[in-house]
Amino acid sequence: MSSPVFRSFCAAVIGGALLASLCAPAVAQSRRHLVYDFTVGISNDSSNTSSFLESGGGATSGRDSYNATTSDKGQIAVDIMGMQTDGGLMVSVSETAKSRNEKATTCAVYATTNVVCSDANTNPEIISVLRTLSPKFFNGANLDAKRHWRVADTNAGIQIDFNVTPNSDGTLGITSQRDQTFKGAQPGSIHSTASYVYDPAKYMPTSLKEYTIVREETGPGSYSNITVDLTASLAGDSLKG
Protein backbone atom coordinates (compact mmCIF):
# COMPACT_ATOMS: atom_id res chain seq x y z
CA MET A 1 0.00 0.00 0.00
CA SER A 2 2.84 2.37 -0.84
CA SER A 3 1.40 3.83 -4.05
CA PRO A 4 1.78 7.59 -4.69
CA VAL A 5 -1.94 8.26 -4.30
CA PHE A 6 -2.17 6.28 -1.07
CA ARG A 7 0.92 7.99 0.31
CA SER A 8 -0.67 11.36 -0.45
CA PHE A 9 -3.58 10.35 1.77
CA CYS A 10 -1.21 9.26 4.52
CA ALA A 11 1.14 12.25 4.48
CA ALA A 12 1.74 15.33 2.41
CA VAL A 13 4.87 15.96 0.38
CA ILE A 14 7.52 17.63 2.50
CA GLY A 15 9.38 20.73 1.38
CA GLY A 16 13.01 21.49 2.20
CA ALA A 17 12.70 23.90 5.13
CA LEU A 18 9.79 22.03 6.65
CA LEU A 19 11.59 18.71 6.20
CA ALA A 20 14.57 20.06 8.11
CA SER A 21 12.25 21.27 10.87
CA LEU A 22 10.46 17.93 11.19
CA CYS A 23 13.61 15.81 11.03
CA ALA A 24 15.61 17.89 13.50
CA PRO A 25 16.07 16.36 16.97
CA ALA A 26 13.19 17.28 19.27
CA VAL A 27 14.27 19.80 21.89
CA ALA A 28 10.88 20.96 23.14
CA GLN A 29 9.08 19.00 25.82
CA SER A 30 5.53 17.80 25.46
CA ARG A 31 2.97 20.41 26.51
CA ARG A 32 0.11 17.94 26.38
CA HIS A 33 -0.20 14.17 26.06
CA LEU A 34 -3.22 12.59 24.36
CA VAL A 35 -4.12 8.95 23.88
CA TYR A 36 -6.74 7.69 21.42
CA ASP A 37 -8.10 4.15 21.32
CA PHE A 38 -8.72 3.03 17.74
CA THR A 39 -9.89 0.19 15.53
CA VAL A 40 -9.12 0.12 11.82
CA GLY A 41 -9.97 -2.09 8.89
CA ILE A 42 -8.15 -1.86 5.56
CA SER A 43 -8.90 -3.65 2.32
CA ASN A 44 -7.10 -3.58 -1.02
CA ASP A 45 -8.90 -4.67 -4.21
CA SER A 46 -6.69 -4.70 -7.29
CA SER A 47 -7.32 -5.81 -10.85
CA ASN A 48 -5.34 -5.79 -14.05
CA THR A 49 -5.79 -6.79 -17.67
CA SER A 50 -3.21 -9.17 -19.12
CA SER A 51 -2.68 -10.25 -22.73
CA PHE A 52 -1.16 -13.50 -23.94
CA LEU A 53 -0.89 -15.69 -27.04
CA GLU A 54 -3.03 -18.78 -27.47
CA SER A 55 -1.57 -22.03 -28.79
CA GLY A 56 -3.04 -21.30 -32.23
CA GLY A 57 -1.19 -18.01 -32.42
CA GLY A 58 -4.12 -15.71 -31.64
CA ALA A 59 -3.97 -13.05 -28.97
CA THR A 60 -6.40 -12.93 -26.07
CA SER A 61 -6.69 -11.10 -22.78
CA GLY A 62 -8.02 -11.69 -19.31
CA ARG A 63 -8.51 -9.87 -16.05
CA ASP A 64 -6.81 -10.85 -12.81
CA SER A 65 -8.17 -9.73 -9.44
CA TYR A 66 -6.58 -9.57 -6.01
CA ASN A 67 -8.08 -8.84 -2.62
CA ALA A 68 -6.44 -8.46 0.78
CA THR A 69 -7.87 -7.29 4.08
CA THR A 70 -6.40 -6.50 7.45
CA SER A 71 -7.64 -5.04 10.72
CA ASP A 72 -6.10 -3.88 13.95
CA LYS A 73 -6.83 -2.13 17.22
CA GLY A 74 -4.69 -0.30 19.71
CA GLN A 75 -3.70 3.17 20.83
CA ILE A 76 -2.28 6.28 19.21
CA ALA A 77 -0.28 8.56 21.51
CA VAL A 78 0.14 12.23 20.63
CA ASP A 79 2.52 14.65 22.34
CA ILE A 80 1.79 18.27 21.49
CA MET A 81 5.06 20.20 21.23
CA GLY A 82 3.97 23.69 20.17
CA MET A 83 3.19 25.91 17.18
CA GLN A 84 5.45 26.48 14.19
CA THR A 85 5.99 29.90 12.64
CA ASP A 86 3.89 28.83 9.63
CA GLY A 87 0.89 28.06 11.86
CA GLY A 88 1.37 24.29 11.97
CA LEU A 89 0.95 22.43 15.25
CA MET A 90 4.05 20.34 15.90
CA VAL A 91 3.34 16.91 17.42
CA SER A 92 5.17 13.69 18.12
CA VAL A 93 2.97 10.67 17.48
CA SER A 94 3.32 6.91 17.91
CA GLU A 95 1.10 3.86 17.53
CA THR A 96 0.88 0.70 19.63
CA ALA A 97 -1.35 -2.06 18.25
CA LYS A 98 -1.45 -5.80 17.72
CA SER A 99 0.44 -5.64 14.43
CA ARG A 100 0.61 -2.03 13.18
CA ASN A 101 3.10 -0.56 15.64
CA GLU A 102 4.82 2.67 14.68
CA LYS A 103 7.64 4.42 16.47
CA ALA A 104 7.37 8.10 17.33
CA THR A 105 7.44 10.38 14.30
CA THR A 106 7.14 14.16 14.05
CA CYS A 107 4.23 15.76 12.20
CA ALA A 108 2.86 19.22 11.58
CA VAL A 109 -0.93 19.65 11.67
CA TYR A 110 -2.61 22.60 9.93
CA ALA A 111 -6.01 24.26 10.27
CA THR A 112 -6.87 23.00 6.76
CA THR A 113 -6.54 19.41 8.15
CA ASN A 114 -3.37 18.95 6.10
CA VAL A 115 -0.88 16.75 7.95
CA VAL A 116 2.83 16.66 7.06
CA CYS A 117 4.99 13.97 8.67
CA SER A 118 8.73 13.26 8.59
CA ASP A 119 7.84 9.67 7.68
CA ALA A 120 5.94 9.64 4.37
CA ASN A 121 4.67 6.11 5.15
CA THR A 122 2.92 7.06 8.39
CA ASN A 123 -0.10 4.79 8.94
CA PRO A 124 -3.41 6.28 7.72
CA GLU A 125 -5.12 5.91 11.10
CA ILE A 126 -2.52 8.23 12.61
CA ILE A 127 -3.15 10.87 9.95
CA SER A 128 -6.91 10.63 10.53
CA VAL A 129 -6.56 11.12 14.29
CA LEU A 130 -4.24 14.11 13.81
CA ARG A 131 -6.27 15.97 11.17
CA THR A 132 -8.42 18.10 13.50
CA LEU A 133 -5.92 18.71 16.33
CA SER A 134 -4.86 22.16 15.14
CA PRO A 135 -6.25 24.75 17.60
CA LYS A 136 -7.22 26.76 14.51
CA PHE A 137 -9.24 23.94 12.93
CA PHE A 138 -12.63 25.21 14.07
CA ASN A 139 -13.49 28.90 13.88
CA GLY A 140 -17.13 29.84 14.21
CA ALA A 141 -16.50 32.97 12.15
CA ASN A 142 -15.91 30.75 9.11
CA LEU A 143 -19.43 29.27 9.19
CA ASP A 144 -22.03 30.33 6.67
CA ALA A 145 -25.78 30.57 7.35
CA LYS A 146 -26.08 26.78 7.10
CA ARG A 147 -23.29 26.16 9.64
CA HIS A 148 -20.99 25.01 6.88
CA TRP A 149 -17.48 25.87 5.79
CA ARG A 150 -15.23 24.73 2.94
CA VAL A 151 -11.52 24.22 2.51
CA ALA A 152 -10.28 23.97 -1.07
CA ASP A 153 -7.02 23.98 -2.99
CA THR A 154 -7.54 24.03 -6.75
CA ASN A 155 -3.89 23.34 -7.53
CA ALA A 156 -3.92 20.24 -5.32
CA GLY A 157 -7.32 19.13 -6.63
CA ILE A 158 -8.79 18.95 -3.14
CA GLN A 159 -12.08 20.13 -1.62
CA ILE A 160 -13.35 19.49 1.91
CA ASP A 161 -16.82 20.45 3.13
CA PHE A 162 -17.64 20.62 6.83
CA ASN A 163 -21.06 20.84 8.50
CA VAL A 164 -21.59 21.63 12.17
CA THR A 165 -24.39 20.73 14.60
CA PRO A 166 -24.19 22.04 18.20
CA ASN A 167 -24.77 19.44 20.93
CA SER A 168 -26.50 20.13 24.25
CA ASP A 169 -23.32 19.39 26.23
CA GLY A 170 -21.34 22.13 24.49
CA THR A 171 -19.58 19.83 22.04
CA LEU A 172 -20.04 20.01 18.29
CA GLY A 173 -21.07 17.33 15.85
CA ILE A 174 -18.93 17.92 12.76
CA THR A 175 -19.21 15.96 9.53
CA SER A 176 -16.84 16.26 6.61
CA GLN A 177 -16.58 15.13 3.01
CA ARG A 178 -13.13 15.18 1.40
CA ASP A 179 -12.56 14.75 -2.33
CA GLN A 180 -9.21 14.88 -4.06
CA THR A 181 -8.16 14.00 -7.60
CA PHE A 182 -4.71 13.24 -9.00
CA LYS A 183 -3.41 13.48 -12.55
CA GLY A 184 -0.21 12.32 -14.14
CA ALA A 185 1.33 8.91 -14.70
CA GLN A 186 -0.78 7.29 -11.96
CA PRO A 187 -4.10 9.17 -11.81
CA GLY A 188 -6.47 8.51 -8.97
CA SER A 189 -8.83 9.93 -6.41
CA ILE A 190 -9.56 10.00 -2.69
CA HIS A 191 -13.07 10.19 -1.27
CA SER A 192 -13.47 10.36 2.48
CA THR A 193 -16.40 10.92 4.83
CA ALA A 194 -15.92 11.55 8.53
CA SER A 195 -17.85 12.49 11.64
CA TYR A 196 -16.45 14.00 14.82
CA VAL A 197 -17.61 14.83 18.30
CA TYR A 198 -15.50 17.95 18.72
CA ASP A 199 -14.84 19.80 21.97
CA PRO A 200 -14.18 23.47 21.08
CA ALA A 201 -13.07 24.22 24.65
CA LYS A 202 -10.28 21.64 24.40
CA TYR A 203 -9.55 22.10 20.69
CA MET A 204 -9.85 18.40 19.88
CA PRO A 205 -12.21 15.62 18.86
CA THR A 206 -13.29 13.28 21.62
CA SER A 207 -14.37 10.68 19.07
CA LEU A 208 -14.26 10.24 15.32
CA LYS A 209 -15.23 7.92 12.50
CA GLU A 210 -13.71 8.08 9.05
CA TYR A 211 -14.26 6.00 5.91
CA THR A 212 -11.90 6.54 3.00
CA ILE A 213 -11.73 5.10 -0.51
CA VAL A 214 -8.48 5.54 -2.45
CA ARG A 215 -8.73 4.72 -6.17
CA GLU A 216 -5.66 4.59 -8.39
CA GLU A 217 -4.77 3.60 -11.93
CA THR A 218 -1.53 1.70 -11.35
CA GLY A 219 -0.86 1.04 -15.04
CA PRO A 220 -2.59 0.43 -18.38
CA GLY A 221 -5.68 -1.59 -17.51
CA SER A 222 -4.64 -1.93 -13.87
CA TYR A 223 -6.54 -0.45 -10.96
CA SER A 224 -6.35 -0.43 -7.17
CA ASN A 225 -9.09 0.41 -4.65
CA ILE A 226 -8.03 0.78 -1.02
CA THR A 227 -10.58 1.38 1.74
CA VAL A 228 -9.75 2.50 5.26
CA ASP A 229 -12.45 2.29 7.95
CA LEU A 230 -11.44 3.94 11.23
CA THR A 231 -13.08 4.52 14.61
CA ALA A 232 -11.24 6.32 17.40
CA SER A 233 -12.04 7.83 20.79
CA LEU A 234 -10.10 9.91 23.31
CA ALA A 235 -8.87 7.67 26.14
CA GLY A 236 -6.45 9.99 27.91
CA ASP A 237 -5.59 13.68 28.21
CA SER A 238 -2.87 15.04 30.48
CA LEU A 239 -4.81 18.31 30.80
CA LYS A 240 -8.10 16.63 31.66
CA GLY A 241 -10.16 18.51 34.15
C-alpha atoms as a PDB file:
ATOM      1  CA  MET A   1       0.000   0.000   0.000  1.00  0.00           C
ATOM      2  CA  SER A   2       2.836   2.369  -0.842  1.00  0.00           C
ATOM      3  CA  SER A   3       1.404   3.834  -4.051  1.00  0.00           C
ATOM      4  CA  PRO A   4       1.777   7.587  -4.694  1.00  0.00           C
ATOM      5  CA  VAL A   5      -1.942   8.259  -4.303  1.00  0.00           C
ATOM      6  CA  PHE A   6      -2.173   6.279  -1.071  1.00  0.00           C
ATOM      7  CA  ARG A   7       0.918   7.991   0.315  1.00  0.00           C
ATOM      8  CA  SER A   8      -0.672  11.365  -0.449  1.00  0.00           C
ATOM      9  CA  PHE A   9      -3.584  10.352   1.772  1.00  0.00           C
ATOM     10  CA  CYS A  10      -1.209   9.263   4.515  1.00  0.00           C
ATOM     11  CA  ALA A  11       1.143  12.248   4.484  1.00  0.00           C
ATOM     12  CA  ALA A  12       1.736  15.334   2.413  1.00  0.00           C
ATOM     13  CA  VAL A  13       4.868  15.960   0.377  1.00  0.00           C
ATOM     14  CA  ILE A  14       7.521  17.627   2.497  1.00  0.00           C
ATOM     15  CA  GLY A  15       9.377  20.731   1.384  1.00  0.00           C
ATOM     16  CA  GLY A  16      13.013  21.492   2.198  1.00  0.00           C
ATOM     17  CA  ALA A  17      12.701  23.902   5.130  1.00  0.00           C
ATOM     18  CA  LEU A  18       9.786  22.025   6.649  1.00  0.00           C
ATOM     19  CA  LEU A  19      11.592  18.706   6.203  1.00  0.00           C
ATOM     20  CA  ALA A  20      14.571  20.064   8.106  1.00  0.00           C
ATOM     21  CA  SER A  21      12.247  21.270  10.867  1.00  0.00           C
ATOM     22  CA  LEU A  22      10.461  17.932  11.189  1.00  0.00           C
ATOM     23  CA  CYS A  23      13.606  15.808  11.030  1.00  0.00           C
ATOM     24  CA  ALA A  24      15.609  17.891  13.501  1.00  0.00           C
ATOM     25  CA  PRO A  25      16.073  16.363  16.974  1.00  0.00           C
ATOM     26  CA  ALA A  26      13.194  17.281  19.270  1.00  0.00           C
ATOM     27  CA  VAL A  27      14.269  19.804  21.894  1.00  0.00           C
ATOM     28  CA  ALA A  28      10.884  20.960  23.141  1.00  0.00           C
ATOM     29  CA  GLN A  29       9.076  18.998  25.818  1.00  0.00           C
ATOM     30  CA  SER A  30       5.526  17.805  25.456  1.00  0.00           C
ATOM     31  CA  ARG A  31       2.971  20.405  26.509  1.00  0.00           C
ATOM     32  CA  ARG A  32       0.108  17.936  26.384  1.00  0.00           C
ATOM     33  CA  HIS A  33      -0.200  14.167  26.063  1.00  0.00           C
ATOM     34  CA  LEU A  34      -3.216  12.593  24.360  1.00  0.00           C
ATOM     35  CA  VAL A  35      -4.125   8.949  23.885  1.00  0.00           C
ATOM     36  CA  TYR A  36      -6.737   7.694  21.423  1.00  0.00           C
ATOM     37  CA  ASP A  37      -8.096   4.152  21.322  1.00  0.00           C
ATOM     38  CA  PHE A  38      -8.721   3.034  17.742  1.00  0.00           C
ATOM     39  CA  THR A  39      -9.891   0.193  15.532  1.00  0.00           C
ATOM     40  CA  VAL A  40      -9.118   0.124  11.820  1.00  0.00           C
ATOM     41  CA  GLY A  41      -9.973  -2.092   8.895  1.00  0.00           C
ATOM     42  CA  ILE A  42      -8.150  -1.856   5.562  1.00  0.00           C
ATOM     43  CA  SER A  43      -8.897  -3.645   2.317  1.00  0.00           C
ATOM     44  CA  ASN A  44      -7.103  -3.582  -1.019  1.00  0.00           C
ATOM     45  CA  ASP A  45      -8.897  -4.666  -4.209  1.00  0.00           C
ATOM     46  CA  SER A  46      -6.693  -4.701  -7.293  1.00  0.00           C
ATOM     47  CA  SER A  47      -7.321  -5.806 -10.849  1.00  0.00           C
ATOM     48  CA  ASN A  48      -5.343  -5.786 -14.051  1.00  0.00           C
ATOM     49  CA  THR A  49      -5.794  -6.794 -17.665  1.00  0.00           C
ATOM     50  CA  SER A  50      -3.210  -9.169 -19.117  1.00  0.00           C
ATOM     51  CA  SER A  51      -2.678 -10.253 -22.734  1.00  0.00           C
ATOM     52  CA  PHE A  52      -1.160 -13.503 -23.940  1.00  0.00           C
ATOM     53  CA  LEU A  53      -0.889 -15.692 -27.041  1.00  0.00           C
ATOM     54  CA  GLU A  54      -3.029 -18.779 -27.468  1.00  0.00           C
ATOM     55  CA  SER A  55      -1.574 -22.026 -28.787  1.00  0.00           C
ATOM     56  CA  GLY A  56      -3.043 -21.295 -32.227  1.00  0.00           C
ATOM     57  CA  GLY A  57      -1.194 -18.009 -32.424  1.00  0.00           C
ATOM     58  CA  GLY A  58      -4.119 -15.707 -31.640  1.00  0.00           C
ATOM     59  CA  ALA A  59      -3.966 -13.048 -28.971  1.00  0.00           C
ATOM     60  CA  THR A  60      -6.398 -12.927 -26.075  1.00  0.00           C
ATOM     61  CA  SER A  61      -6.686 -11.103 -22.785  1.00  0.00           C
ATOM     62  CA  GLY A  62      -8.023 -11.691 -19.307  1.00  0.00           C
ATOM     63  CA  ARG A  63      -8.509  -9.871 -16.053  1.00  0.00           C
ATOM     64  CA  ASP A  64      -6.808 -10.845 -12.805  1.00  0.00           C
ATOM     65  CA  SER A  65      -8.168  -9.732  -9.439  1.00  0.00           C
ATOM     66  CA  TYR A  66      -6.578  -9.565  -6.009  1.00  0.00           C
ATOM     67  CA  ASN A  67      -8.076  -8.840  -2.623  1.00  0.00           C
ATOM     68  CA  ALA A  68      -6.439  -8.460   0.776  1.00  0.00           C
ATOM     69  CA  THR A  69      -7.868  -7.291   4.080  1.00  0.00           C
ATOM     70  CA  THR A  70      -6.398  -6.497   7.450  1.00  0.00           C
ATOM     71  CA  SER A  71      -7.640  -5.040  10.718  1.00  0.00           C
ATOM     72  CA  ASP A  72      -6.097  -3.885  13.949  1.00  0.00           C
ATOM     73  CA  LYS A  73      -6.826  -2.129  17.220  1.00  0.00           C
ATOM     74  CA  GLY A  74      -4.690  -0.297  19.709  1.00  0.00           C
ATOM     75  CA  GLN A  75      -3.701   3.171  20.831  1.00  0.00           C
ATOM     76  CA  ILE A  76      -2.282   6.278  19.209  1.00  0.00           C
ATOM     77  CA  ALA A  77      -0.284   8.562  21.509  1.00  0.00           C
ATOM     78  CA  VAL A  78       0.141  12.233  20.635  1.00  0.00           C
ATOM     79  CA  ASP A  79       2.523  14.646  22.339  1.00  0.00           C
ATOM     80  CA  ILE A  80       1.791  18.269  21.492  1.00  0.00           C
ATOM     81  CA  MET A  81       5.058  20.196  21.233  1.00  0.00           C
ATOM     82  CA  GLY A  82       3.968  23.694  20.165  1.00  0.00           C
ATOM     83  CA  MET A  83       3.194  25.912  17.182  1.00  0.00           C
ATOM     84  CA  GLN A  84       5.446  26.484  14.187  1.00  0.00           C
ATOM     85  CA  THR A  85       5.992  29.897  12.639  1.00  0.00           C
ATOM     86  CA  ASP A  86       3.892  28.831   9.628  1.00  0.00           C
ATOM     87  CA  GLY A  87       0.893  28.057  11.857  1.00  0.00           C
ATOM     88  CA  GLY A  88       1.367  24.295  11.973  1.00  0.00           C
ATOM     89  CA  LEU A  89       0.954  22.434  15.254  1.00  0.00           C
ATOM     90  CA  MET A  90       4.052  20.335  15.903  1.00  0.00           C
ATOM     91  CA  VAL A  91       3.344  16.915  17.415  1.00  0.00           C
ATOM     92  CA  SER A  92       5.165  13.694  18.122  1.00  0.00           C
ATOM     93  CA  VAL A  93       2.967  10.668  17.482  1.00  0.00           C
ATOM     94  CA  SER A  94       3.320   6.906  17.906  1.00  0.00           C
ATOM     95  CA  GLU A  95       1.099   3.859  17.534  1.00  0.00           C
ATOM     96  CA  THR A  96       0.880   0.703  19.626  1.00  0.00           C
ATOM     97  CA  ALA A  97      -1.347  -2.056  18.254  1.00  0.00           C
ATOM     98  CA  LYS A  98      -1.455  -5.798  17.719  1.00  0.00           C
ATOM     99  CA  SER A  99       0.440  -5.643  14.430  1.00  0.00           C
ATOM    100  CA  ARG A 100       0.612  -2.027  13.182  1.00  0.00           C
ATOM    101  CA  ASN A 101       3.098  -0.559  15.640  1.00  0.00           C
ATOM    102  CA  GLU A 102       4.822   2.674  14.678  1.00  0.00           C
ATOM    103  CA  LYS A 103       7.645   4.422  16.471  1.00  0.00           C
ATOM    104  CA  ALA A 104       7.373   8.100  17.326  1.00  0.00           C
ATOM    105  CA  THR A 105       7.441  10.381  14.299  1.00  0.00           C
ATOM    106  CA  THR A 106       7.141  14.160  14.052  1.00  0.00           C
ATOM    107  CA  CYS A 107       4.229  15.758  12.203  1.00  0.00           C
ATOM    108  CA  ALA A 108       2.857  19.222  11.576  1.00  0.00           C
ATOM    109  CA  VAL A 109      -0.933  19.649  11.667  1.00  0.00           C
ATOM    110  CA  TYR A 110      -2.612  22.597   9.932  1.00  0.00           C
ATOM    111  CA  ALA A 111      -6.009  24.256  10.268  1.00  0.00           C
ATOM    112  CA  THR A 112      -6.870  23.003   6.760  1.00  0.00           C
ATOM    113  CA  THR A 113      -6.540  19.412   8.148  1.00  0.00           C
ATOM    114  CA  ASN A 114      -3.375  18.948   6.097  1.00  0.00           C
ATOM    115  CA  VAL A 115      -0.880  16.748   7.948  1.00  0.00           C
ATOM    116  CA  VAL A 116       2.830  16.660   7.056  1.00  0.00           C
ATOM    117  CA  CYS A 117       4.989  13.970   8.668  1.00  0.00           C
ATOM    118  CA  SER A 118       8.725  13.263   8.593  1.00  0.00           C
ATOM    119  CA  ASP A 119       7.839   9.666   7.676  1.00  0.00           C
ATOM    120  CA  ALA A 120       5.941   9.641   4.374  1.00  0.00           C
ATOM    121  CA  ASN A 121       4.671   6.109   5.150  1.00  0.00           C
ATOM    122  CA  THR A 122       2.916   7.059   8.390  1.00  0.00           C
ATOM    123  CA  ASN A 123      -0.096   4.790   8.944  1.00  0.00           C
ATOM    124  CA  PRO A 124      -3.410   6.279   7.720  1.00  0.00           C
ATOM    125  CA  GLU A 125      -5.123   5.913  11.100  1.00  0.00           C
ATOM    126  CA  ILE A 126      -2.516   8.235  12.610  1.00  0.00           C
ATOM    127  CA  ILE A 127      -3.151  10.873   9.953  1.00  0.00           C
ATOM    128  CA  SER A 128      -6.914  10.626  10.533  1.00  0.00           C
ATOM    129  CA  VAL A 129      -6.555  11.121  14.288  1.00  0.00           C
ATOM    130  CA  LEU A 130      -4.243  14.114  13.811  1.00  0.00           C
ATOM    131  CA  ARG A 131      -6.269  15.975  11.170  1.00  0.00           C
ATOM    132  CA  THR A 132      -8.423  18.102  13.503  1.00  0.00           C
ATOM    133  CA  LEU A 133      -5.923  18.712  16.329  1.00  0.00           C
ATOM    134  CA  SER A 134      -4.865  22.160  15.141  1.00  0.00           C
ATOM    135  CA  PRO A 135      -6.254  24.748  17.600  1.00  0.00           C
ATOM    136  CA  LYS A 136      -7.215  26.757  14.512  1.00  0.00           C
ATOM    137  CA  PHE A 137      -9.240  23.940  12.933  1.00  0.00           C
ATOM    138  CA  PHE A 138     -12.633  25.212  14.066  1.00  0.00           C
ATOM    139  CA  ASN A 139     -13.485  28.896  13.879  1.00  0.00           C
ATOM    140  CA  GLY A 140     -17.135  29.841  14.213  1.00  0.00           C
ATOM    141  CA  ALA A 141     -16.502  32.968  12.150  1.00  0.00           C
ATOM    142  CA  ASN A 142     -15.909  30.745   9.107  1.00  0.00           C
ATOM    143  CA  LEU A 143     -19.427  29.267   9.189  1.00  0.00           C
ATOM    144  CA  ASP A 144     -22.033  30.331   6.667  1.00  0.00           C
ATOM    145  CA  ALA A 145     -25.777  30.575   7.355  1.00  0.00           C
ATOM    146  CA  LYS A 146     -26.083  26.783   7.101  1.00  0.00           C
ATOM    147  CA  ARG A 147     -23.292  26.158   9.644  1.00  0.00           C
ATOM    148  CA  HIS A 148     -20.993  25.012   6.876  1.00  0.00           C
ATOM    149  CA  TRP A 149     -17.478  25.874   5.788  1.00  0.00           C
ATOM    150  CA  ARG A 150     -15.230  24.728   2.940  1.00  0.00           C
ATOM    151  CA  VAL A 151     -11.517  24.222   2.512  1.00  0.00           C
ATOM    152  CA  ALA A 152     -10.281  23.973  -1.070  1.00  0.00           C
ATOM    153  CA  ASP A 153      -7.020  23.984  -2.992  1.00  0.00           C
ATOM    154  CA  THR A 154      -7.543  24.028  -6.752  1.00  0.00           C
ATOM    155  CA  ASN A 155      -3.890  23.339  -7.526  1.00  0.00           C
ATOM    156  CA  ALA A 156      -3.918  20.238  -5.315  1.00  0.00           C
ATOM    157  CA  GLY A 157      -7.315  19.131  -6.626  1.00  0.00           C
ATOM    158  CA  ILE A 158      -8.794  18.949  -3.139  1.00  0.00           C
ATOM    159  CA  GLN A 159     -12.076  20.127  -1.622  1.00  0.00           C
ATOM    160  CA  ILE A 160     -13.353  19.494   1.907  1.00  0.00           C
ATOM    161  CA  ASP A 161     -16.824  20.452   3.128  1.00  0.00           C
ATOM    162  CA  PHE A 162     -17.643  20.623   6.831  1.00  0.00           C
ATOM    163  CA  ASN A 163     -21.057  20.845   8.496  1.00  0.00           C
ATOM    164  CA  VAL A 164     -21.593  21.626  12.171  1.00  0.00           C
ATOM    165  CA  THR A 165     -24.387  20.734  14.597  1.00  0.00           C
ATOM    166  CA  PRO A 166     -24.188  22.036  18.204  1.00  0.00           C
ATOM    167  CA  ASN A 167     -24.770  19.442  20.926  1.00  0.00           C
ATOM    168  CA  SER A 168     -26.503  20.128  24.245  1.00  0.00           C
ATOM    169  CA  ASP A 169     -23.325  19.388  26.227  1.00  0.00           C
ATOM    170  CA  GLY A 170     -21.340  22.126  24.487  1.00  0.00           C
ATOM    171  CA  THR A 171     -19.577  19.831  22.039  1.00  0.00           C
ATOM    172  CA  LEU A 172     -20.041  20.006  18.288  1.00  0.00           C
ATOM    173  CA  GLY A 173     -21.067  17.328  15.848  1.00  0.00           C
ATOM    174  CA  ILE A 174     -18.931  17.915  12.763  1.00  0.00           C
ATOM    175  CA  THR A 175     -19.214  15.957   9.525  1.00  0.00           C
ATOM    176  CA  SER A 176     -16.841  16.260   6.607  1.00  0.00           C
ATOM    177  CA  GLN A 177     -16.575  15.132   3.009  1.00  0.00           C
ATOM    178  CA  ARG A 178     -13.134  15.181   1.400  1.00  0.00           C
ATOM    179  CA  ASP A 179     -12.557  14.752  -2.330  1.00  0.00           C
ATOM    180  CA  GLN A 180      -9.205  14.878  -4.057  1.00  0.00           C
ATOM    181  CA  THR A 181      -8.161  13.995  -7.602  1.00  0.00           C
ATOM    182  CA  PHE A 182      -4.713  13.244  -9.002  1.00  0.00           C
ATOM    183  CA  LYS A 183      -3.411  13.482 -12.549  1.00  0.00           C
ATOM    184  CA  GLY A 184      -0.209  12.321 -14.142  1.00  0.00           C
ATOM    185  CA  ALA A 185       1.335   8.908 -14.695  1.00  0.00           C
ATOM    186  CA  GLN A 186      -0.775   7.293 -11.961  1.00  0.00           C
ATOM    187  CA  PRO A 187      -4.100   9.172 -11.805  1.00  0.00           C
ATOM    188  CA  GLY A 188      -6.468   8.511  -8.966  1.00  0.00           C
ATOM    189  CA  SER A 189      -8.831   9.933  -6.411  1.00  0.00           C
ATOM    190  CA  ILE A 190      -9.557  10.001  -2.693  1.00  0.00           C
ATOM    191  CA  HIS A 191     -13.068  10.187  -1.274  1.00  0.00           C
ATOM    192  CA  SER A 192     -13.468  10.360   2.484  1.00  0.00           C
ATOM    193  CA  THR A 193     -16.397  10.923   4.831  1.00  0.00           C
ATOM    194  CA  ALA A 194     -15.917  11.553   8.530  1.00  0.00           C
ATOM    195  CA  SER A 195     -17.845  12.490  11.642  1.00  0.00           C
ATOM    196  CA  TYR A 196     -16.446  13.995  14.823  1.00  0.00           C
ATOM    197  CA  VAL A 197     -17.606  14.830  18.303  1.00  0.00           C
ATOM    198  CA  TYR A 198     -15.501  17.947  18.716  1.00  0.00           C
ATOM    199  CA  ASP A 199     -14.843  19.798  21.971  1.00  0.00           C
ATOM    200  CA  PRO A 200     -14.181  23.466  21.085  1.00  0.00           C
ATOM    201  CA  ALA A 201     -13.075  24.218  24.651  1.00  0.00           C
ATOM    202  CA  LYS A 202     -10.281  21.640  24.404  1.00  0.00           C
ATOM    203  CA  TYR A 203      -9.550  22.096  20.689  1.00  0.00           C
ATOM    204  CA  MET A 204      -9.849  18.401  19.875  1.00  0.00           C
ATOM    205  CA  PRO A 205     -12.205  15.618  18.858  1.00  0.00           C
ATOM    206  CA  THR A 206     -13.294  13.279  21.625  1.00  0.00           C
ATOM    207  CA  SER A 207     -14.369  10.680  19.074  1.00  0.00           C
ATOM    208  CA  LEU A 208     -14.256  10.236  15.320  1.00  0.00           C
ATOM    209  CA  LYS A 209     -15.234   7.916  12.502  1.00  0.00           C
ATOM    210  CA  GLU A 210     -13.709   8.076   9.049  1.00  0.00           C
ATOM    211  CA  TYR A 211     -14.262   6.002   5.908  1.00  0.00           C
ATOM    212  CA  THR A 212     -11.903   6.537   3.002  1.00  0.00           C
ATOM    213  CA  ILE A 213     -11.731   5.101  -0.508  1.00  0.00           C
ATOM    214  CA  VAL A 214      -8.482   5.539  -2.446  1.00  0.00           C
ATOM    215  CA  ARG A 215      -8.729   4.722  -6.167  1.00  0.00           C
ATOM    216  CA  GLU A 216      -5.664   4.594  -8.385  1.00  0.00           C
ATOM    217  CA  GLU A 217      -4.770   3.597 -11.932  1.00  0.00           C
ATOM    218  CA  THR A 218      -1.533   1.699 -11.348  1.00  0.00           C
ATOM    219  CA  GLY A 219      -0.858   1.039 -15.044  1.00  0.00           C
ATOM    220  CA  PRO A 220      -2.591   0.431 -18.378  1.00  0.00           C
ATOM    221  CA  GLY A 221      -5.680  -1.593 -17.515  1.00  0.00           C
ATOM    222  CA  SER A 222      -4.644  -1.933 -13.865  1.00  0.00           C
ATOM    223  CA  TYR A 223      -6.536  -0.448 -10.960  1.00  0.00           C
ATOM    224  CA  SER A 224      -6.348  -0.429  -7.171  1.00  0.00           C
ATOM    225  CA  ASN A 225      -9.087   0.406  -4.648  1.00  0.00           C
ATOM    226  CA  ILE A 226      -8.031   0.776  -1.017  1.00  0.00           C
ATOM    227  CA  THR A 227     -10.580   1.380   1.738  1.00  0.00           C
ATOM    228  CA  VAL A 228      -9.749   2.495   5.262  1.00  0.00           C
ATOM    229  CA  ASP A 229     -12.452   2.288   7.947  1.00  0.00           C
ATOM    230  CA  LEU A 230     -11.444   3.940  11.230  1.00  0.00           C
ATOM    231  CA  THR A 231     -13.084   4.520  14.608  1.00  0.00           C
ATOM    232  CA  ALA A 232     -11.240   6.324  17.405  1.00  0.00           C
ATOM    233  CA  SER A 233     -12.036   7.834  20.795  1.00  0.00           C
ATOM    234  CA  LEU A 234     -10.102   9.909  23.312  1.00  0.00           C
ATOM    235  CA  ALA A 235      -8.865   7.668  26.136  1.00  0.00           C
ATOM    236  CA  GLY A 236      -6.449   9.985  27.914  1.00  0.00           C
ATOM    237  CA  ASP A 237      -5.589  13.683  28.211  1.00  0.00           C
ATOM    238  CA  SER A 238      -2.868  15.041  30.484  1.00  0.00           C
ATOM    239  CA  LEU A 239      -4.813  18.308  30.802  1.00  0.00           C
ATOM    240  CA  LYS A 240      -8.103  16.627  31.655  1.00  0.00           C
ATOM    241  CA  GLY A 241     -10.162  18.510  34.146  1.00  0.00           C
END
